[in-house]
Amino acid sequence: MLRNGKAGSRQVVPARWVHESIGPKDREAVNPAEPLMGYHYQWWPIVGSDAYLARGLQGQAIFIDPATDTVVVKLSYFPPGNQQAFVESVAFLQAAVAN
């Protein structure tokens, strides 16, 4: 996903699919409870950023920031319904790549 579906010189995932999957282009929030996130094809674009993530159960995530060539795999556990912990995790990941 990080390099438009390429691993070295090999195209593993079609670049067009990668481009479509990290939309929507306007990156509007799709859920009022999650104002930081858009959604498309199992990927959650971060509003106001080129970064996006895949979300797992109870706080697990794969965070990708093409601007800084960064991928972070986060293994964790949040109690069910703990939205604040997720929002804080995304803010931390964004701050980490900003430096």
PDB file of N, CA and C in Angstrom:
ATOM      1  N   MET A   1       0.822  -1.202   0.000  1.00  0.00           N
ATOM      2  CA  MET A   1       0.000   0.000   0.000  1.00  0.00           C
ATOM      3  C   MET A   1       0.866   1.265   0.000  1.00  0.00           C
ATOM      4  N   LEU A   2       1.971   1.231   0.738  1.00  0.00           N
ATOM      5  CA  LEU A   2       2.778   2.440   0.899  1.00  0.00           C
ATOM      6  C   LEU A   2       3.257   3.012  -0.427  1.00  0.00           C
ATOM      7  N   ARG A   3       3.709   2.198  -1.306  1.00  0.00           N
ATOM      8  CA  ARG A   3       4.287   2.684  -2.564  1.00  0.00           C
ATOM      9  C   ARG A   3       3.385   2.334  -3.751  1.00  0.00           C
ATOM     10  N   ASN A   4       2.108   2.654  -3.594  1.00  0.00           N
ATOM     11  CA  ASN A   4       1.108   2.407  -4.638  1.00  0.00           C
ATOM     12  C   ASN A   4       1.046   0.955  -5.075  1.00  0.00           C
ATOM     13  N   GLY A   5       1.207   0.056  -4.124  1.00  0.00           N
ATOM     14  CA  GLY A   5       1.072  -1.363  -4.407  1.00  0.00           C
ATOM     15  C   GLY A   5       2.315  -2.046  -4.914  1.00  0.00           C
ATOM     16  N   LYS A   6       3.460  -1.366  -4.872  1.00  0.00           N
ATOM     17  CA  LYS A   6       4.714  -1.941  -5.367  1.00  0.00           C
ATOM     18  C   LYS A   6       5.583  -2.433  -4.219  1.00  0.00           C
ATOM     19  N   ALA A   7       6.229  -3.573  -4.445  1.00  0.00           N
ATOM     20  CA  ALA A   7       7.251  -4.098  -3.538  1.00  0.00           C
ATOM     21  C   ALA A   7       8.516  -4.210  -4.367  1.00  0.00           C
ATOM     22  N   GLY A   8       9.451  -3.310  -4.152  1.00  0.00           N
ATOM     23  CA  GLY A   8      10.625  -3.245  -5.023  1.00  0.00           C
ATOM     24  C   GLY A   8      10.194  -2.803  -6.409  1.00  0.00           C
ATOM     25  N   SER A   9      10.487  -3.599  -7.410  1.00  0.00           N
ATOM     26  CA  SER A   9      10.072  -3.269  -8.778  1.00  0.00           C
ATOM     27  C   SER A   9       8.817  -4.034  -9.203  1.00  0.00           C
ATOM     28  N   ARG A  10       8.290  -4.848  -8.303  1.00  0.00           N
ATOM     29  CA  ARG A  10       7.130  -5.692  -8.635  1.00  0.00           C
ATOM     30  C   ARG A  10       5.817  -5.041  -8.183  1.00  0.00           C
ATOM     31  N   GLN A  11       4.849  -4.926  -9.091  1.00  0.00           N
ATOM     32  CA  GLN A  11       3.528  -4.403  -8.761  1.00  0.00           C
ATOM     33  C   GLN A  11       2.708  -5.538  -8.150  1.00  0.00           C
ATOM     34  N   VAL A  12       2.492  -5.503  -6.833  1.00  0.00           N
ATOM     35  CA  VAL A  12       1.798  -6.573  -6.118  1.00  0.00           C
ATOM     36  C   VAL A  12       0.289  -6.357  -6.126  1.00  0.00           C
ATOM     37  N   VAL A  13      -0.118  -5.128  -5.924  1.00  0.00           N
ATOM     38  CA  VAL A  13      -1.530  -4.738  -5.940  1.00  0.00           C
ATOM     39  C   VAL A  13      -1.662  -3.675  -7.030  1.00  0.00           C
ATOM     40  N   PRO A  14      -2.691  -3.767  -7.865  1.00  0.00           N
ATOM     41  CA  PRO A  14      -2.840  -2.761  -8.918  1.00  0.00           C
ATOM     42  C   PRO A  14      -2.846  -1.328  -8.361  1.00  0.00           C
ATOM     43  N   ALA A  15      -2.038  -0.465  -8.953  1.00  0.00           N
ATOM     44  CA  ALA A  15      -1.919   0.918  -8.479  1.00  0.00           C
ATOM     45  C   ALA A  15      -3.270   1.630  -8.502  1.00  0.00           C
ATOM     46  N   ARG A  16      -4.082   1.343  -9.480  1.00  0.00           N
ATOM     47  CA  ARG A  16      -5.405   1.987  -9.554  1.00  0.00           C
ATOM     48  C   ARG A  16      -6.263   1.613  -8.340  1.00  0.00           C
ATOM     49  N   TRP A  17      -6.210   0.336  -7.941  1.00  0.00           N
ATOM     50  CA  TRP A  17      -6.981  -0.101  -6.775  1.00  0.00           C
ATOM     51  C   TRP A  17      -6.472   0.587  -5.516  1.00  0.00           C
ATOM     52  N   VAL A  18      -5.156   0.686  -5.371  1.00  0.00           N
ATOM     53  CA  VAL A  18      -4.592   1.374  -4.206  1.00  0.00           C
ATOM     54  C   VAL A  18      -5.100   2.807  -4.169  1.00  0.00           C
ATOM     55  N   HIS A  19      -5.027   3.485  -5.295  1.00  0.00           N
ATOM     56  CA  HIS A  19      -5.472   4.877  -5.362  1.00  0.00           C
ATOM     57  C   HIS A  19      -6.951   5.011  -4.983  1.00  0.00           C
ATOM     58  N   GLU A  20      -7.782   4.135  -5.517  1.00  0.00           N
ATOM     59  CA  GLU A  20      -9.213   4.175  -5.194  1.00  0.00           C
ATOM     60  C   GLU A  20      -9.474   3.827  -3.728  1.00  0.00           C
ATOM     61  N   SER A  21      -8.725   2.879  -3.206  1.00  0.00           N
ATOM     62  CA  SER A  21      -9.009   2.386  -1.861  1.00  0.00           C
ATOM     63  C   SER A  21      -8.644   3.363  -0.761  1.00  0.00           C
ATOM     64  N   ILE A  22      -7.749   4.295  -1.031  1.00  0.00           N
ATOM     65  CA  ILE A  22      -7.391   5.243   0.023  1.00  0.00           C
ATOM     66  C   ILE A  22      -8.154   6.555  -0.110  1.00  0.00           C
ATOM     67  N   GLY A  23      -9.194   6.558  -0.949  1.00  0.00           N
ATOM     68  CA  GLY A  23     -10.107   7.696  -1.042  1.00  0.00           C
ATOM     69  C   GLY A  23     -10.978   7.729   0.192  1.00  0.00           C
ATOM     70  N   PRO A  24     -12.015   8.472   0.293  1.00  0.00           N
ATOM     71  CA  PRO A  24     -12.533   9.357  -0.739  1.00  0.00           C
ATOM     72  C   PRO A  24     -11.639  10.576  -0.938  1.00  0.00           C
ATOM     73  N   LYS A  25     -11.681  11.111  -2.131  1.00  0.00           N
ATOM     74  CA  LYS A  25     -10.779  12.208  -2.466  1.00  0.00           C
ATOM     75  C   LYS A  25     -10.972  13.416  -1.556  1.00  0.00           C
ATOM     76  N   ASP A  26     -12.216  13.730  -1.187  1.00  0.00           N
ATOM     77  CA  ASP A  26     -12.449  14.907  -0.354  1.00  0.00           C
ATOM     78  C   ASP A  26     -12.154  14.635   1.126  1.00  0.00           C
ATOM     79  N   ARG A  27     -11.979  13.365   1.480  1.00  0.00           N
ATOM     80  CA  ARG A  27     -11.631  12.958   2.846  1.00  0.00           C
ATOM     81  C   ARG A  27     -12.520  13.624   3.892  1.00  0.00           C
ATOM     82  N   GLU A  28     -13.814  13.525   3.667  1.00  0.00           N
ATOM     83  CA  GLU A  28     -14.750  14.034   4.658  1.00  0.00           C
ATOM     84  C   GLU A  28     -14.984  12.974   5.714  1.00  0.00           C
ATOM     85  N   ALA A  29     -15.195  13.398   6.937  1.00  0.00           N
ATOM     86  CA  ALA A  29     -15.498  12.456   8.006  1.00  0.00           C
ATOM     87  C   ALA A  29     -16.824  11.768   7.687  1.00  0.00           C
ATOM     88  N   VAL A  30     -16.883  10.449   7.866  1.00  0.00           N
ATOM     89  CA  VAL A  30     -18.091   9.709   7.538  1.00  0.00           C
ATOM     90  C   VAL A  30     -18.897   9.344   8.774  1.00  0.00           C
ATOM     91  N   ASN A  31     -18.340   9.524   9.947  1.00  0.00           N
ATOM     92  CA  ASN A  31     -19.024   9.159  11.174  1.00  0.00           C
ATOM     93  C   ASN A  31     -18.795  10.273  12.189  1.00  0.00           C
ATOM     94  N   PRO A  32     -19.866  10.917  12.670  1.00  0.00           N
ATOM     95  CA  PRO A  32     -19.687  12.009  13.635  1.00  0.00           C
ATOM     96  C   PRO A  32     -18.923  11.596  14.899  1.00  0.00           C
ATOM     97  N   ALA A  33     -18.975  10.313  15.244  1.00  0.00           N
ATOM     98  CA  ALA A  33     -18.241   9.841  16.415  1.00  0.00           C
ATOM     99  C   ALA A  33     -16.751   9.715  16.124  1.00  0.00           C
ATOM    100  N   GLU A  34     -16.371   9.743  14.851  1.00  0.00           N
ATOM    101  CA  GLU A  34     -14.974   9.621  14.436  1.00  0.00           C
ATOM    102  C   GLU A  34     -14.651  10.740  13.457  1.00  0.00           C
ATOM    103  N   PRO A  35     -14.532  11.950  13.938  1.00  0.00           N
ATOM    104  CA  PRO A  35     -14.365  13.084  13.028  1.00  0.00           C
ATOM    105  C   PRO A  35     -13.055  13.099  12.265  1.00  0.00           C
ATOM    106  N   LEU A  36     -12.108  12.243  12.626  1.00  0.00           N
ATOM    107  CA  LEU A  36     -10.810  12.238  11.951  1.00  0.00           C
ATOM    108  C   LEU A  36     -10.755  11.337  10.726  1.00  0.00           C
ATOM    109  N   MET A  37     -11.771  10.512  10.531  1.00  0.00           N
ATOM    110  CA  MET A  37     -11.658   9.437   9.560  1.00  0.00           C
ATOM    111  C   MET A  37     -12.661   9.523   8.412  1.00  0.00           C
ATOM    112  N   GLY A  38     -12.187   9.177   7.226  1.00  0.00           N
ATOM    113  CA  GLY A  38     -13.049   8.876   6.093  1.00  0.00           C
ATOM    114  C   GLY A  38     -13.096   7.351   6.002  1.00  0.00           C
ATOM    115  N   TYR A  39     -13.650   6.816   4.932  1.00  0.00           N
ATOM    116  CA  TYR A  39     -13.678   5.356   4.788  1.00  0.00           C
ATOM    117  C   TYR A  39     -13.840   4.972   3.327  1.00  0.00           C
ATOM    118  N   HIS A  40     -13.066   3.949   2.889  1.00  0.00           N
ATOM    119  CA  HIS A  40     -13.206   3.426   1.542  1.00  0.00           C
ATOM    120  C   HIS A  40     -12.455   2.112   1.443  1.00  0.00           C
ATOM    121  N   TYR A  41     -13.114   1.043   1.004  1.00  0.00           N
ATOM    122  CA  TYR A  41     -12.493  -0.264   0.754  1.00  0.00           C
ATOM    123  C   TYR A  41     -11.675  -0.794   1.932  1.00  0.00           C
ATOM    124  N   GLN A  42     -12.179  -0.705   3.120  1.00  0.00           N
ATOM    125  CA  GLN A  42     -11.504  -1.192   4.334  1.00  0.00           C
ATOM    126  C   GLN A  42     -10.318  -0.332   4.775  1.00  0.00           C
ATOM    127  N   TRP A  43     -10.138   0.830   4.165  1.00  0.00           N
ATOM    128  CA  TRP A  43      -9.097   1.763   4.581  1.00  0.00           C
ATOM    129  C   TRP A  43      -9.760   3.016   5.114  1.00  0.00           C
ATOM    130  N   TRP A  44      -9.149   3.625   6.087  1.00  0.00           N
ATOM    131  CA  TRP A  44      -9.678   4.807   6.766  1.00  0.00           C
ATOM    132  C   TRP A  44      -8.734   5.986   6.531  1.00  0.00           C
ATOM    133  N   PRO A  45      -8.980   6.805   5.500  1.00  0.00           N
ATOM    134  CA  PRO A  45      -8.161   7.992   5.281  1.00  0.00           C
ATOM    135  C   PRO A  45      -8.329   8.977   6.433  1.00  0.00           C
ATOM    136  N   ILE A  46      -7.244   9.597   6.820  1.00  0.00           N
ATOM    137  CA  ILE A  46      -7.289  10.579   7.901  1.00  0.00           C
ATOM    138  C   ILE A  46      -7.562  11.943   7.287  1.00  0.00           C
ATOM    139  N   VAL A  47      -8.619  12.583   7.721  1.00  0.00           N
ATOM    140  CA  VAL A  47      -9.044  13.865   7.186  1.00  0.00           C
ATOM    141  C   VAL A  47      -7.921  14.889   7.361  1.00  0.00           C
ATOM    142  N   GLY A  48      -7.628  15.635   6.306  1.00  0.00           N
ATOM    143  CA  GLY A  48      -6.599  16.665   6.356  1.00  0.00           C
ATOM    144  C   GLY A  48      -5.183  16.130   6.226  1.00  0.00           C
ATOM    145  N   SER A  49      -5.031  14.898   5.732  1.00  0.00           N
ATOM    146  CA  SER A  49      -3.723  14.260   5.648  1.00  0.00           C
ATOM    147  C   SER A  49      -3.711  13.292   4.477  1.00  0.00           C
ATOM    148  N   ASP A  50      -2.512  12.908   4.038  1.00  0.00           N
ATOM    149  CA  ASP A  50      -2.394  11.836   3.045  1.00  0.00           C
ATOM    150  C   ASP A  50      -2.321  10.472   3.723  1.00  0.00           C
ATOM    151  N   ALA A  51      -2.233  10.449   5.048  1.00  0.00           N
ATOM    152  CA  ALA A  51      -2.116   9.199   5.799  1.00  0.00           C
ATOM    153  C   ALA A  51      -3.467   8.479   5.850  1.00  0.00           C
ATOM    154  N   TYR A  52      -3.386   7.169   6.058  1.00  0.00           N
ATOM    155  CA  TYR A  52      -4.589   6.346   6.173  1.00  0.00           C
ATOM    156  C   TYR A  52      -4.249   5.130   7.009  1.00  0.00           C
ATOM    157  N   LEU A  53      -5.274   4.397   7.426  1.00  0.00           N
ATOM    158  CA  LEU A  53      -5.004   3.208   8.214  1.00  0.00           C
ATOM    159  C   LEU A  53      -6.048   2.139   8.011  1.00  0.00           C
ATOM    160  N   ALA A  54      -5.638   0.921   8.323  1.00  0.00           N
ATOM    161  CA  ALA A  54      -6.552  -0.219   8.407  1.00  0.00           C
ATOM    162  C   ALA A  54      -6.813  -0.384   9.899  1.00  0.00           C
ATOM    163  N   ARG A  55      -8.048  -0.672  10.244  1.00  0.00           N
ATOM    164  CA  ARG A  55      -8.412  -0.784  11.656  1.00  0.00           C
ATOM    165  C   ARG A  55      -8.782  -2.207  12.000  1.00  0.00           C
ATOM    166  N   GLY A  56      -8.213  -2.671  13.086  1.00  0.00           N
ATOM    167  CA  GLY A  56      -8.536  -3.991  13.584  1.00  0.00           C
ATOM    168  C   GLY A  56      -9.429  -3.898  14.806  1.00  0.00           C
ATOM    169  N   LEU A  57      -9.671  -5.024  15.396  1.00  0.00           N
ATOM    170  CA  LEU A  57     -10.539  -5.115  16.559  1.00  0.00           C
ATOM    171  C   LEU A  57      -9.870  -4.541  17.799  1.00  0.00           C
ATOM    172  N   GLN A  58     -10.594  -3.729  18.539  1.00  0.00           N
ATOM    173  CA  GLN A  58     -10.191  -3.205  19.850  1.00  0.00           C
ATOM    174  C   GLN A  58      -8.852  -2.468  19.838  1.00  0.00           C
ATOM    175  N   GLY A  59      -8.563  -1.706  18.801  1.00  0.00           N
ATOM    176  CA  GLY A  59      -7.404  -0.824  18.830  1.00  0.00           C
ATOM    177  C   GLY A  59      -6.226  -1.212  17.971  1.00  0.00           C
ATOM    178  N   GLN A  60      -6.267  -2.354  17.336  1.00  0.00           N
ATOM    179  CA  GLN A  60      -5.171  -2.719  16.453  1.00  0.00           C
ATOM    180  C   GLN A  60      -5.288  -1.934  15.144  1.00  0.00           C
ATOM    181  N   ALA A  61      -4.140  -1.595  14.558  1.00  0.00           N
ATOM    182  CA  ALA A  61      -4.178  -0.779  13.347  1.00  0.00           C
ATOM    183  C   ALA A  61      -2.900  -0.930  12.537  1.00  0.00           C
ATOM    184  N   ILE A  62      -3.020  -0.618  11.252  1.00  0.00           N
ATOM    185  CA  ILE A  62      -1.868  -0.441  10.378  1.00  0.00           C
ATOM    186  C   ILE A  62      -1.974   0.999   9.887  1.00  0.00           C
ATOM    187  N   PHE A  63      -1.021   1.812  10.273  1.00  0.00           N
ATOM    188  CA  PHE A  63      -0.986   3.231   9.931  1.00  0.00           C
ATOM    189  C   PHE A  63       0.022   3.436   8.807  1.00  0.00           C
ATOM    190  N   ILE A  64      -0.387   4.128   7.754  1.00  0.00           N
ATOM    191  CA  ILE A  64       0.487   4.366   6.609  1.00  0.00           C
ATOM    192  C   ILE A  64       0.500   5.856   6.293  1.00  0.00           C
ATOM    193  N   ASP A  65       1.702   6.418   6.209  1.00  0.00           N
ATOM    194  CA  ASP A  65       1.868   7.827   5.854  1.00  0.00           C
ATOM    195  C   ASP A  65       2.830   7.928   4.673  1.00  0.00           C
ATOM    196  N   PRO A  66       2.296   8.044   3.450  1.00  0.00           N
ATOM    197  CA  PRO A  66       3.156   8.109   2.274  1.00  0.00           C
ATOM    198  C   PRO A  66       4.111   9.306   2.282  1.00  0.00           C
ATOM    199  N   ALA A  67       3.704  10.417   2.867  1.00  0.00           N
ATOM    200  CA  ALA A  67       4.539  11.621   2.864  1.00  0.00           C
ATOM    201  C   ALA A  67       5.865  11.403   3.587  1.00  0.00           C
ATOM    202  N   THR A  68       5.871  10.538   4.596  1.00  0.00           N
ATOM    203  CA  THR A  68       7.101  10.282   5.358  1.00  0.00           C
ATOM    204  C   THR A  68       7.619   8.866   5.153  1.00  0.00           C
ATOM    205  N   ASP A  69       6.992   8.132   4.216  1.00  0.00           N
ATOM    206  CA  ASP A  69       7.415   6.765   3.893  1.00  0.00           C
ATOM    207  C   ASP A  69       7.378   5.875   5.143  1.00  0.00           C
ATOM    208  N   THR A  70       6.297   6.004   5.912  1.00  0.00           N
ATOM    209  CA  THR A  70       6.182   5.329   7.204  1.00  0.00           C
ATOM    210  C   THR A  70       5.028   4.344   7.243  1.00  0.00           C
ATOM    211  N   VAL A  71       5.289   3.167   7.816  1.00  0.00           N
ATOM    212  CA  VAL A  71       4.251   2.190   8.126  1.00  0.00           C
ATOM    213  C   VAL A  71       4.427   1.804   9.588  1.00  0.00           C
ATOM    214  N   VAL A  72       3.342   1.852  10.355  1.00  0.00           N
ATOM    215  CA  VAL A  72       3.365   1.442  11.758  1.00  0.00           C
ATOM    216  C   VAL A  72       2.282   0.389  11.957  1.00  0.00           C
ATOM    217  N   VAL A  73       2.658  -0.750  12.510  1.00  0.00           N
ATOM    218  CA  VAL A  73       1.693  -1.776  12.889  1.00  0.00           C
ATOM    219  C   VAL A  73       1.520  -1.668  14.396  1.00  0.00           C
ATOM    220  N   LYS A  74       0.294  -1.427  14.820  1.00  0.00           N
ATOM    221  CA  LYS A  74       0.012  -1.206  16.246  1.00  0.00           C
ATOM    222  C   LYS A  74      -0.822  -2.368  16.769  1.00  0.00           C
ATOM    223  N   LEU A  75      -0.271  -3.092  17.718  1.00  0.00           N
ATOM    224  CA  LEU A  75      -0.980  -4.177  18.383  1.00  0.00           C
ATOM    225  C   LEU A  75      -1.355  -3.695  19.778  1.00  0.00           C
ATOM    226  N   SER A  76      -2.627  -3.742  20.095  1.00  0.00           N
ATOM    227  CA  SER A  76      -3.066  -3.243  21.394  1.00  0.00           C
ATOM    228  C   SER A  76      -4.452  -3.770  21.696  1.00  0.00           C
ATOM    229  N   TYR A  77      -4.975  -3.369  22.829  1.00  0.00           N
ATOM    230  CA  TYR A  77      -6.329  -3.733  23.192  1.00  0.00           C
ATOM    231  C   TYR A  77      -6.989  -2.541  23.864  1.00  0.00           C
ATOM    232  N   PHE A  78      -8.137  -2.135  23.339  1.00  0.00           N
ATOM    233  CA  PHE A  78      -8.975  -1.126  23.981  1.00  0.00           C
ATOM    234  C   PHE A  78     -10.246  -1.819  24.419  1.00  0.00           C
ATOM    235  N   PRO A  79     -10.799  -1.452  25.576  1.00  0.00           N
ATOM    236  CA  PRO A  79     -12.102  -2.005  25.946  1.00  0.00           C
ATOM    237  C   PRO A  79     -13.144  -1.632  24.882  1.00  0.00           C
ATOM    238  N   PRO A  80     -14.126  -2.494  24.656  1.00  0.00           N
ATOM    239  CA  PRO A  80     -15.166  -2.195  23.668  1.00  0.00           C
ATOM    240  C   PRO A  80     -15.782  -0.820  23.911  1.00  0.00           C
ATOM    241  N   GLY A  81     -15.946  -0.065  22.828  1.00  0.00           N
ATOM    242  CA  GLY A  81     -16.582   1.240  22.908  1.00  0.00           C
ATOM    243  C   GLY A  81     -15.670   2.375  23.341  1.00  0.00           C
ATOM    244  N   ASN A  82     -14.391   2.130  23.538  1.00  0.00           N
ATOM    245  CA  ASN A  82     -13.476   3.184  23.976  1.00  0.00           C
ATOM    246  C   ASN A  82     -12.981   3.969  22.770  1.00  0.00           C
ATOM    247  N   GLN A  83     -13.793   4.879  22.290  1.00  0.00           N
ATOM    248  CA  GLN A  83     -13.460   5.668  21.114  1.00  0.00           C
ATOM    249  C   GLN A  83     -12.333   6.658  21.401  1.00  0.00           C
ATOM    250  N   GLN A  84     -12.278   7.171  22.615  1.00  0.00           N
ATOM    251  CA  GLN A  84     -11.248   8.152  22.962  1.00  0.00           C
ATOM    252  C   GLN A  84      -9.845   7.573  22.804  1.00  0.00           C
ATOM    253  N   ALA A  85      -9.650   6.322  23.187  1.00  0.00           N
ATOM    254  CA  ALA A  85      -8.338   5.685  23.063  1.00  0.00           C
ATOM    255  C   ALA A  85      -7.922   5.603  21.593  1.00  0.00           C
ATOM    256  N   PHE A  86      -8.867   5.328  20.703  1.00  0.00           N
ATOM    257  CA  PHE A  86      -8.553   5.268  19.276  1.00  0.00           C
ATOM    258  C   PHE A  86      -8.163   6.648  18.752  1.00  0.00           C
ATOM    259  N   VAL A  87      -8.928   7.663  19.098  1.00  0.00           N
ATOM    260  CA  VAL A  87      -8.637   9.029  18.653  1.00  0.00           C
ATOM    261  C   VAL A  87      -7.258   9.454  19.145  1.00  0.00           C
ATOM    262  N   GLU A  88      -6.929   9.127  20.388  1.00  0.00           N
ATOM    263  CA  GLU A  88      -5.612   9.463  20.933  1.00  0.00           C
ATOM    264  C   GLU A  88      -4.498   8.712  20.213  1.00  0.00           C
ATOM    265  N   SER A  89      -4.735   7.468  19.849  1.00  0.00           N
ATOM    266  CA  SER A  89      -3.729   6.693  19.117  1.00  0.00           C
ATOM    267  C   SER A  89      -3.438   7.309  17.760  1.00  0.00           C
ATOM    268  N   VAL A  90      -4.476   7.706  17.045  1.00  0.00           N
ATOM    269  CA  VAL A  90      -4.288   8.339  15.735  1.00  0.00           C
ATOM    270  C   VAL A  90      -3.527   9.650  15.893  1.00  0.00           C
ATOM    271  N   ALA A  91      -3.876  10.443  16.902  1.00  0.00           N
ATOM    272  CA  ALA A  91      -3.167  11.707  17.147  1.00  0.00           C
ATOM    273  C   ALA A  91      -1.689  11.440  17.446  1.00  0.00           C
ATOM    274  N   PHE A  92      -1.397  10.415  18.215  1.00  0.00           N
ATOM    275  CA  PHE A  92      -0.003  10.064  18.519  1.00  0.00           C
ATOM    276  C   PHE A  92       0.751   9.682  17.250  1.00  0.00           C
ATOM    277  N   LEU A  93       0.154   8.831  16.419  1.00  0.00           N
ATOM    278  CA  LEU A  93       0.815   8.396  15.191  1.00  0.00           C
ATOM    279  C   LEU A  93       1.072   9.575  14.259  1.00  0.00           C
ATOM    280  N   GLN A  94       0.113  10.481  14.155  1.00  0.00           N
ATOM    281  CA  GLN A  94       0.300  11.663  13.314  1.00  0.00           C
ATOM    282  C   GLN A  94       1.426  12.550  13.870  1.00  0.00           C
ATOM    283  N   ALA A  95       1.470  12.713  15.181  1.00  0.00           N
ATOM    284  CA  ALA A  95       2.534  13.517  15.791  1.00  0.00           C
ATOM    285  C   ALA A  95       3.894  12.857  15.601  1.00  0.00           C
ATOM    286  N   ALA A  96       3.946  11.556  15.680  1.00  0.00           N
ATOM    287  CA  ALA A  96       5.215  10.840  15.537  1.00  0.00           C
ATOM    288  C   ALA A  96       5.820  11.025  14.147  1.00  0.00           C
ATOM    289  N   VAL A  97       4.998  11.042  13.115  1.00  0.00           N
ATOM    290  CA  VAL A  97       5.536  11.204  11.766  1.00  0.00           C
ATOM    291  C   VAL A  97       5.756  12.669  11.409  1.00  0.00           C
ATOM    292  N   ALA A  98       5.214  13.575  12.185  1.00  0.00           N
ATOM    293  CA  ALA A  98       5.374  15.001  11.922  1.00  0.00           C
ATOM    294  C   ALA A  98       6.760  15.502  12.308  1.00  0.00           C
ATOM    295  N   ASN A  99       7.454  14.756  13.143  1.00  0.00           N
ATOM    296  CA  ASN A  99       8.785  15.197  13.618  1.00  0.00           C
ATOM    297  C   ASN A  99       9.895  14.616  12.800  1.00  0.00           C
TER     298      ASN A  99
END
